[in-house]
Protein backbone atom coordinates (compact mmCIF):
# COMPACT_ATOMS: atom_id res chain seq x y z
CA ARG A 1 134.75 114.38 127.83
CA GLN A 2 132.76 117.58 128.49
CA ARG A 3 134.00 118.96 125.18
CA GLN A 4 132.80 115.82 123.40
CA MET A 5 129.33 116.21 124.95
CA CYS A 6 129.23 119.90 123.95
CA ILE A 7 130.20 119.01 120.39
CA ARG A 8 127.45 116.40 120.23
CA ASP A 9 124.79 118.79 121.66
CA ARG A 10 125.84 121.61 119.35
CA ALA A 11 125.71 119.38 116.30
CA CYS A 12 122.23 118.15 117.22
CA THR A 13 121.01 121.77 117.57
CA LEU A 14 122.46 122.77 114.21
CA VAL A 15 120.93 119.79 112.48
CA ALA A 16 117.52 120.64 113.99
CA ILE A 17 117.48 124.18 112.52
CA HIS A 18 119.31 123.28 109.32
CA MET A 19 116.25 122.53 107.17
CA THR A 20 114.47 125.77 108.13
CA LYS A 21 117.52 127.92 107.38
CA ARG A 22 118.24 126.15 104.12
CA TYR A 23 114.87 126.95 102.54
CA THR A 24 114.94 130.55 103.83
CA HIS A 25 118.33 131.28 102.27
CA ILE A 26 117.40 129.59 99.02
CA ILE A 27 114.49 132.05 98.74
CA HIS A 28 116.88 134.97 99.40
CA GLY A 29 119.18 133.68 96.70
CA LEU A 30 116.34 133.58 94.19
CA SER A 31 115.34 137.10 95.28
CA ILE A 32 118.74 138.45 94.25
CA LEU A 33 118.28 137.09 90.75
CA ILE A 34 114.77 138.60 90.53
CA TYR A 35 115.98 142.03 91.73
CA ILE A 36 118.83 142.06 89.23
CA VAL A 37 116.48 141.14 86.36
CA ILE A 38 114.05 143.92 87.38
CA ALA A 39 116.89 146.45 87.51
CA ILE A 40 118.10 145.46 84.01
CA LEU A 41 114.60 145.68 82.58
CA MET A 42 114.08 149.12 84.11
CA THR A 43 117.42 150.37 82.82
CA ARG A 44 116.60 149.23 79.29
CA ARG A 45 113.15 150.91 79.54
CA ILE A 46 111.31 147.62 79.06
CA LEU A 47 109.09 148.08 82.10
CA ILE A 48 108.59 151.85 81.44
CA PRO A 49 108.66 152.25 77.63
CA LYS A 50 106.41 155.36 77.56
CA VAL A 51 108.72 157.46 79.72
CA ASN A 52 110.88 159.95 77.77
CA LEU A 53 114.32 160.31 79.30
CA GLN A 54 114.45 164.02 78.28
CA SER A 55 111.21 164.69 80.09
CA MET A 56 112.54 162.93 83.19
CA SER A 57 114.79 165.90 83.89
CA THR A 58 111.76 168.19 84.12
CA ASN A 59 109.45 165.68 85.73
CA SER A 60 110.84 165.44 89.23
CA TYR A 61 108.10 163.05 90.32
CA ILE A 62 109.08 160.32 87.87
CA TRP A 63 112.76 160.89 88.62
CA THR A 64 112.17 160.54 92.35
CA VAL A 65 110.15 157.34 91.89
CA LEU A 66 112.89 155.72 89.76
CA ILE A 67 115.63 156.68 92.21
CA CYS A 68 113.63 155.23 95.09
CA ALA A 69 112.95 152.06 93.09
CA TYR A 70 116.64 151.61 92.30
CA ALA A 71 117.59 152.32 95.92
CA LEU A 72 115.05 149.76 97.12
CA ILE A 73 116.33 147.14 94.69
CA ILE A 74 119.96 147.79 95.66
CA SER A 75 119.13 147.54 99.38
CA MET A 76 117.30 144.26 98.78
CA ILE A 77 120.26 142.91 96.81
CA VAL A 78 122.65 143.87 99.61
CA ARG A 79 120.35 142.34 102.19
CA SER A 80 120.07 139.13 100.23
CA ILE A 81 123.86 138.98 99.74
CA LEU A 82 124.37 139.39 103.49
CA SER A 83 121.76 136.70 104.10
CA LEU A 84 123.55 134.34 101.73
CA TYR A 85 126.84 135.12 103.46
CA ASN A 86 125.30 134.22 106.83
CA PHE A 87 123.88 131.07 105.30
CA MET A 88 127.27 129.99 103.96
CA ASN A 89 128.92 130.82 107.27
CA ASP A 90 126.33 128.75 109.20
CA PHE A 91 126.61 125.96 106.64
CA ILE A 92 130.40 125.79 107.06
CA HIS A 93 130.09 125.71 110.86
CA GLU A 94 127.41 123.05 110.55
CA LEU A 95 129.65 120.90 108.37
CA GLN A 96 132.47 121.28 110.89
CA ALA A 97 130.16 120.28 113.73
CA GLN A 98 128.85 117.32 111.77
CA ASN A 99 132.39 116.19 110.98
CA GLU A 100 133.30 116.42 114.65
CA THR A 101 130.19 114.41 115.55
CA ILE A 102 130.99 111.78 112.93
CA ASN A 103 134.57 111.53 114.20
CA TYR A 104 133.30 111.22 117.76
CA MET A 105 130.87 108.45 116.83
CA ALA A 106 133.57 106.69 114.80
CA TYR A 107 136.25 106.71 117.51
CA TYR A 108 134.39 106.77 120.82
CA ASP A 109 132.01 104.39 122.54
CA GLN A 110 128.51 105.85 122.93
CA LEU A 111 127.77 104.24 126.32
CA THR A 112 131.00 104.87 128.26
CA GLU A 113 132.46 107.70 126.10
CA LEU A 114 135.75 105.81 126.09
CA PRO A 115 137.90 105.30 122.98
CA ASN A 116 136.60 102.36 120.97
CA ARG A 117 138.38 99.52 119.18
CA ARG A 118 139.10 101.65 116.09
CA LEU A 119 140.79 104.44 118.05
CA LEU A 120 142.75 101.92 120.15
CA HIS A 121 143.96 100.37 116.90
CA GLN A 122 145.39 103.75 115.86
CA LYS A 123 146.92 104.37 119.31
CA ILE A 124 148.66 100.98 119.35
CA ASN A 125 149.97 101.47 115.81
CA ASN A 126 151.33 104.88 116.84
CA ALA A 127 152.90 103.32 119.94
CA ILE A 128 154.56 100.67 117.77
CA LYS A 129 156.01 103.33 115.45
CA SER A 130 157.23 105.36 118.42
CA ALA A 131 158.81 102.31 120.07
CA ASN A 132 160.56 101.37 116.84
CA THR A 133 161.88 104.90 116.40
CA LYS A 134 162.74 105.96 119.95
CA GLY A 135 162.96 102.57 121.63
CA GLY A 136 160.98 101.41 124.63
CA SER A 137 158.03 99.12 125.11
CA PHE A 138 154.38 99.20 126.15
CA ILE A 139 151.76 96.99 127.76
CA VAL A 140 148.39 95.91 126.37
CA ALA A 141 145.85 94.58 128.86
CA TYR A 142 142.65 92.83 127.79
CA PHE A 143 139.98 92.17 130.42
CA ASP A 144 136.30 91.55 130.95
CA ILE A 145 133.86 91.21 133.84
CA ASP A 146 133.49 87.66 135.12
CA ASP A 147 129.97 86.27 134.62
CA PHE A 148 128.64 89.65 133.48
CA LYS A 149 126.07 87.91 131.29
CA LYS A 150 124.42 86.52 134.42
CA ILE A 151 124.21 90.02 135.90
CA ASN A 152 122.55 91.28 132.72
CA ASN A 153 120.09 88.39 132.76
CA ILE A 154 119.21 88.85 136.44
CA LEU A 155 119.24 92.63 136.79
CA GLY A 156 118.53 93.71 133.23
CA HIS A 157 120.60 95.45 130.57
CA LYS A 158 119.72 98.93 131.83
CA LEU A 159 121.40 98.30 135.18
CA GLY A 160 124.17 96.42 133.37
CA ASP A 161 124.92 99.55 131.34
CA LYS A 162 124.95 101.60 134.53
CA ILE A 163 127.49 99.21 136.03
CA LEU A 164 129.74 99.54 132.98
CA ARG A 165 129.63 103.34 133.15
CA SER A 166 130.38 103.32 136.88
CA ILE A 167 133.31 100.90 136.61
CA THR A 168 134.92 102.71 133.66
CA LYS A 169 134.58 106.05 135.43
CA LYS A 170 136.31 104.69 138.55
CA LEU A 171 138.99 102.92 136.53
CA SER A 172 139.76 106.04 134.49
CA LEU A 173 140.54 107.87 137.74
CA LYS A 174 142.69 105.09 139.20
CA LEU A 175 144.82 104.28 136.16
CA PRO A 176 148.15 106.08 135.58
CA GLU A 177 147.78 109.28 133.59
CA GLN A 178 149.55 107.93 130.50
CA ALA A 179 147.29 104.85 130.29
CA ILE A 180 144.57 104.70 127.62
CA LEU A 181 141.39 102.81 128.55
CA ALA A 182 139.21 101.63 125.65
CA ARG A 183 136.00 99.67 125.37
CA MET A 184 136.27 96.81 122.89
CA GLY A 185 132.59 95.85 123.02
CA GLY A 186 130.15 94.36 125.52
CA ASP A 187 131.96 94.00 128.86
CA GLU A 188 135.39 93.72 127.24
CA PHE A 189 137.98 96.46 127.71
CA SER A 190 141.61 97.09 126.88
CA ILE A 191 144.34 99.27 128.34
CA LEU A 192 147.39 100.64 126.54
CA MET A 193 150.28 102.01 128.60
CA SER A 194 153.98 102.62 128.02
CA CYS A 195 156.19 100.82 130.49
CA GLU A 196 159.71 100.96 131.90
CA ASP A 197 159.53 98.22 134.51
CA THR A 198 157.16 95.64 133.02
CA PRO A 199 156.36 93.49 136.11
CA ASN A 200 155.71 96.51 138.33
CA ASP A 201 153.70 98.29 135.64
CA ILE A 202 151.53 95.20 135.09
CA GLU A 203 150.96 94.95 138.83
CA ALA A 204 150.03 98.65 138.98
CA ILE A 205 147.44 98.23 136.23
CA TYR A 206 145.95 95.15 137.86
CA VAL A 207 145.76 96.87 141.26
CA ALA A 208 143.92 99.80 139.64
CA ILE A 209 141.48 97.40 137.99
CA ARG A 210 140.89 95.53 141.26
CA LYS A 211 140.19 98.80 143.08
CA ALA A 212 137.64 99.79 140.45
CA PHE A 213 135.86 96.46 141.04
CA ALA A 214 136.21 96.55 144.83
CA GLN A 215 132.78 97.96 145.61
CA SER A 216 129.92 95.45 145.76
CA LEU A 217 126.59 96.00 144.02
CA ASN A 218 123.31 95.96 145.95
CA SER A 219 120.08 95.48 144.03
CA HIS A 220 116.66 94.06 144.88
CA GLY A 221 117.85 93.03 148.33
CA ALA A 222 120.79 91.02 146.97
CA THR A 223 124.52 91.77 147.00
CA TYR A 224 126.65 91.13 143.93
CA HIS A 225 130.45 91.13 143.94
CA LEU A 226 132.05 91.99 140.64
CA HIS A 227 135.33 90.45 139.55
CA CYS A 228 137.39 90.51 136.40
CA SER A 229 139.98 88.43 134.58
CA VAL A 230 142.88 90.12 132.78
CA GLY A 231 145.35 89.06 130.12
CA PHE A 232 148.58 91.02 129.52
CA THR A 233 150.93 91.27 126.58
CA CYS A 234 154.04 93.38 126.17
CA TYR A 235 155.52 94.86 122.98
CA PRO A 236 157.71 93.67 121.29
CA GLN A 237 158.24 90.23 122.86
CA ASP A 238 154.57 89.18 122.78
CA GLY A 239 153.68 90.54 119.36
CA GLU A 240 154.76 93.07 116.75
CA SER A 241 151.36 94.20 115.46
CA TYR A 242 148.01 95.33 116.82
CA GLU A 243 146.32 92.07 115.79
CA GLU A 244 148.99 89.88 117.33
CA LEU A 245 149.12 91.80 120.60
CA LEU A 246 145.34 91.74 121.04
CA LYS A 247 145.07 88.08 120.05
CA ASN A 248 147.74 87.04 122.53
CA ALA A 249 146.24 89.20 125.28
CA ASP A 250 142.91 87.49 124.64
CA THR A 251 144.66 84.12 124.88
CA ALA A 252 146.08 85.11 128.27
CA LEU A 253 142.61 86.26 129.33
CA PHE A 254 141.17 82.88 128.36
CA LYS A 255 143.88 81.17 130.39
CA ALA A 256 143.01 83.31 133.43
CA LYS A 257 139.37 82.29 133.14
CA SER A 258 140.24 78.61 132.76
CA LEU A 259 142.23 78.79 136.02
CA GLY A 260 139.24 80.01 138.01
CA LYS A 261 138.73 83.67 136.97
CA ASN A 262 139.34 86.77 139.13
CA ARG A 263 143.06 86.87 138.33
CA TYR A 264 145.55 88.06 135.74
CA ILE A 265 147.85 86.11 133.45
CA VAL A 266 150.83 87.40 131.47
CA TYR A 267 151.06 85.86 128.02
CA ASN A 268 153.84 83.44 127.11
CA LYS A 269 154.54 81.52 123.92
CA HIS A 270 153.49 78.18 125.39
CA MET A 271 149.91 79.48 125.62
CA LYS A 272 149.70 79.87 121.85
CA ALA A 273 150.68 76.27 121.24
CA SER A 274 148.17 75.12 123.85
CA MET A 275 145.42 77.29 122.34
CA ASP A 276 146.15 76.08 118.81
CA GLN A 277 145.97 72.49 120.00
CA ARG A 278 142.73 73.21 121.81
CA ILE A 279 141.13 74.73 118.69
CA GLU A 280 142.30 71.78 116.61
CA MET A 281 140.92 69.33 119.19
CA GLU A 282 137.54 71.09 119.14
CA GLY A 283 137.30 70.41 115.40
CA HIS A 284 138.18 66.73 115.86
CA LEU A 285 135.75 66.48 118.76
CA GLU A 286 132.86 67.57 116.57
CA SER A 287 133.80 64.89 114.04
CA ALA A 288 134.10 62.32 116.85
CA LEU A 289 130.45 62.87 117.76
CA THR A 290 129.32 61.85 114.27
CA ASN A 291 131.93 59.11 113.79
CA GLY A 292 131.07 57.25 116.98
CA GLU A 293 134.48 57.72 118.59
CA LEU A 294 132.82 58.88 121.84
CA THR A 295 131.39 55.78 123.50
CA PRO A 296 130.22 54.77 126.99
CA TYR A 297 132.19 52.36 129.15
CA TYR A 298 130.23 50.57 131.87
CA GLN A 299 131.90 50.45 135.24
CA PRO A 300 130.29 47.82 137.53
CA LYS A 301 128.99 48.65 141.01
CA TYR A 302 129.29 45.90 143.60
CA HIS A 303 127.26 45.15 146.70
CA ALA A 304 129.45 45.85 149.69
CA LYS A 305 128.24 42.82 151.67
CA ASP A 306 128.40 39.89 149.25
CA GLY A 307 130.27 41.41 146.29
CA HIS A 308 127.71 40.74 143.56
CA ILE A 309 127.10 43.27 140.77
CA ILE A 310 124.09 45.49 141.41
CA GLY A 311 124.46 47.90 138.51
CA PHE A 312 126.75 49.96 136.32
CA GLU A 313 127.91 53.54 135.88
CA SER A 314 128.14 54.82 132.32
CA LEU A 315 131.43 56.64 131.73
CA ALA A 316 132.23 58.49 128.50
CA ARG A 317 135.49 57.67 126.76
CA TRP A 318 137.10 59.06 123.61
CA HIS A 319 139.39 56.93 121.47
CA SER A 320 140.51 59.43 118.85
CA SER A 321 141.94 58.35 115.52
CA LYS A 322 144.42 61.25 115.84
CA TYR A 323 145.14 61.62 119.56
CA GLY A 324 144.53 58.10 120.79
CA PHE A 325 142.91 57.83 124.21
CA VAL A 326 141.83 61.29 125.43
CA SER A 327 141.04 61.80 129.10
CA PRO A 328 137.52 62.99 130.03
CA VAL A 329 139.23 65.75 132.02
CA THR A 330 140.31 67.15 128.64
CA PHE A 331 137.31 66.66 126.36
CA ILE A 332 134.34 67.06 128.75
CA PRO A 333 135.13 70.77 129.44
CA LEU A 334 135.49 71.28 125.68
CA LEU A 335 132.07 69.74 125.11
CA GLU A 336 130.54 72.05 127.73
CA GLU A 337 132.19 75.21 126.43
CA THR A 338 131.21 74.54 122.82
CA GLY A 339 127.65 73.49 123.68
CA MET A 340 128.14 70.03 122.19
CA ILE A 341 127.61 68.48 125.63
CA VAL A 342 123.83 68.51 125.14
CA THR A 343 123.95 66.38 121.99
CA PHE A 344 126.68 64.19 123.42
CA GLY A 345 124.83 63.68 126.72
CA ARG A 346 121.64 62.75 124.90
CA ASN A 347 123.49 60.13 122.84
CA ILE A 348 125.25 58.67 125.89
CA MET A 349 121.93 58.50 127.78
CA ARG A 350 120.19 56.73 124.90
CA THR A 351 123.02 54.22 124.37
CA SER A 352 123.31 53.46 128.09
CA LEU A 353 119.58 52.87 128.54
CA GLU A 354 119.44 50.68 125.46
CA GLN A 355 122.20 48.56 126.99
CA LEU A 356 120.29 48.36 130.29
CA ILE A 357 117.17 47.20 128.43
CA GLN A 358 119.20 44.45 126.78
CA TRP A 359 120.39 43.25 130.20
CA HIS A 360 116.83 43.35 131.53
CA ASN A 361 115.67 41.29 128.55
CA MET A 362 118.32 38.75 129.51
CA GLY A 363 116.68 38.43 132.94
CA GLN A 364 119.05 40.74 134.86
CA TYR A 365 116.23 42.91 136.21
CA HIS A 366 118.11 43.87 139.35
CA LEU A 367 120.71 45.86 137.42
CA THR A 368 120.60 49.66 137.45
CA MET A 369 122.37 52.26 135.33
CA ALA A 370 123.89 55.55 136.53
CA VAL A 371 124.59 58.21 133.90
CA ASN A 372 126.46 61.47 134.54
CA VAL A 373 124.49 64.52 133.41
CA SER A 374 126.01 67.96 132.80
CA ALA A 375 124.49 71.11 134.27
CA HIS A 376 124.11 72.35 130.70
CA GLN A 377 121.72 69.48 130.02
CA PHE A 378 119.59 70.39 133.04
CA ALA A 379 119.38 73.92 131.66
CA GLN A 380 117.67 72.51 128.55
CA ILE A 381 114.86 70.94 130.59
C-alpha cells in the first residue's frame, strides 16, 4: 500500500515538471541542428569567404579564432546531446510512472486502496484456472453494510467515507493472509479465499467480518452500531465462472437481508429458483397495477355490544391471472421494495373513499373506513 502511494506521488511530481522539461529539451535539440549547420558553413568557407587558407598558416590569430569557434560548437553539440539523453531518460521514467499510475487507478479503489471489481475479476479467473489444474476450491463472500445509506444521510458522505476506510483497514488485518478483500462499489465488498474445510473457512471469514464491525460509532452525541449481511458461494458447486459466483453470492446476500439482516447465508440452488420467481412476479405485479388486478376488499367492523356494523377496513387483495390468489404477505413487501407501494396505496385510498362516499349517499353516515398506509407513503408527505 505504501508503495502504491509512493508511485502515485512520484507520478504526480513528474507530470508537474514534464511540460517545463519538454520545452527546454526541444530547444536543446534545435540548438544541435543550428550548431551543425554553422560548422558546415564554416568548413565550406561560406561564412568566411575572404579568408585564404594558405594565409591561415601564417596568420595565427585567424587560426586560433577558428579553432576556438569549432571547439565551442563541438562542446555545445556534446552538451545538447547529453541534454537530449537526459530528456529521453526522464521521459522513459515518466512513461513508466504514468503506466504504473494508470494501472493503479484501473485496478485499485481510490478511497480504500483495496483491489476493485476489475482486479477481483482477474483474481477469481486465475483461481478458477488454478482449481481446474491443481484441484481444490475457493470461497467468494459478498457483503455490504446494513442501512449504510441512512448513515450517509444522517452523518454525511465525508464521515461515511471515513467509516469505510476504517472498517476495511480493520478487516484487512483480521482476515486470513491468503484472503483477498476487494471493494465492489459503494458499501459493497467481496472476499476471495481458497478453502480446505468450507464450513470452518466460511465461519472464520464471517467472524473476521463481525470483529471488524464490532466497534460502535459515536457522532454528534449519538451512538451507531454497524452491522453487515454476507452471502457466500463456493467454487465449483455454486458456480463455474466469475459472473455466476458473484451473482449467486449476491442472491445469498439478498436472502440474508430478507431474513432480518446482520447474518450470513450460504448459497444453495433453491435460492435461484426463488429469486427467479420473485423477479418474474415483480414484472406481473407492475402489470397488475394497470390491469386492475389489485383491488380492495372491505372487512366489516362490528360493535362489540349490539353487533351492528360500524365501519369497514380496506384490505388489498391480488387475484393474478397467472398465479391466482396471491397473499398480501407476498406482494406487499414487493410493492415496498420496488417503490410501487406509493402508487398502489394512492389507488387503494381513492377507491376505498369513493366506496365510503357511496355508502354515505345511501344514508349510512355512521360508517367509517380504515385504510392501511405504508411507511413509504408517509415518507412522501
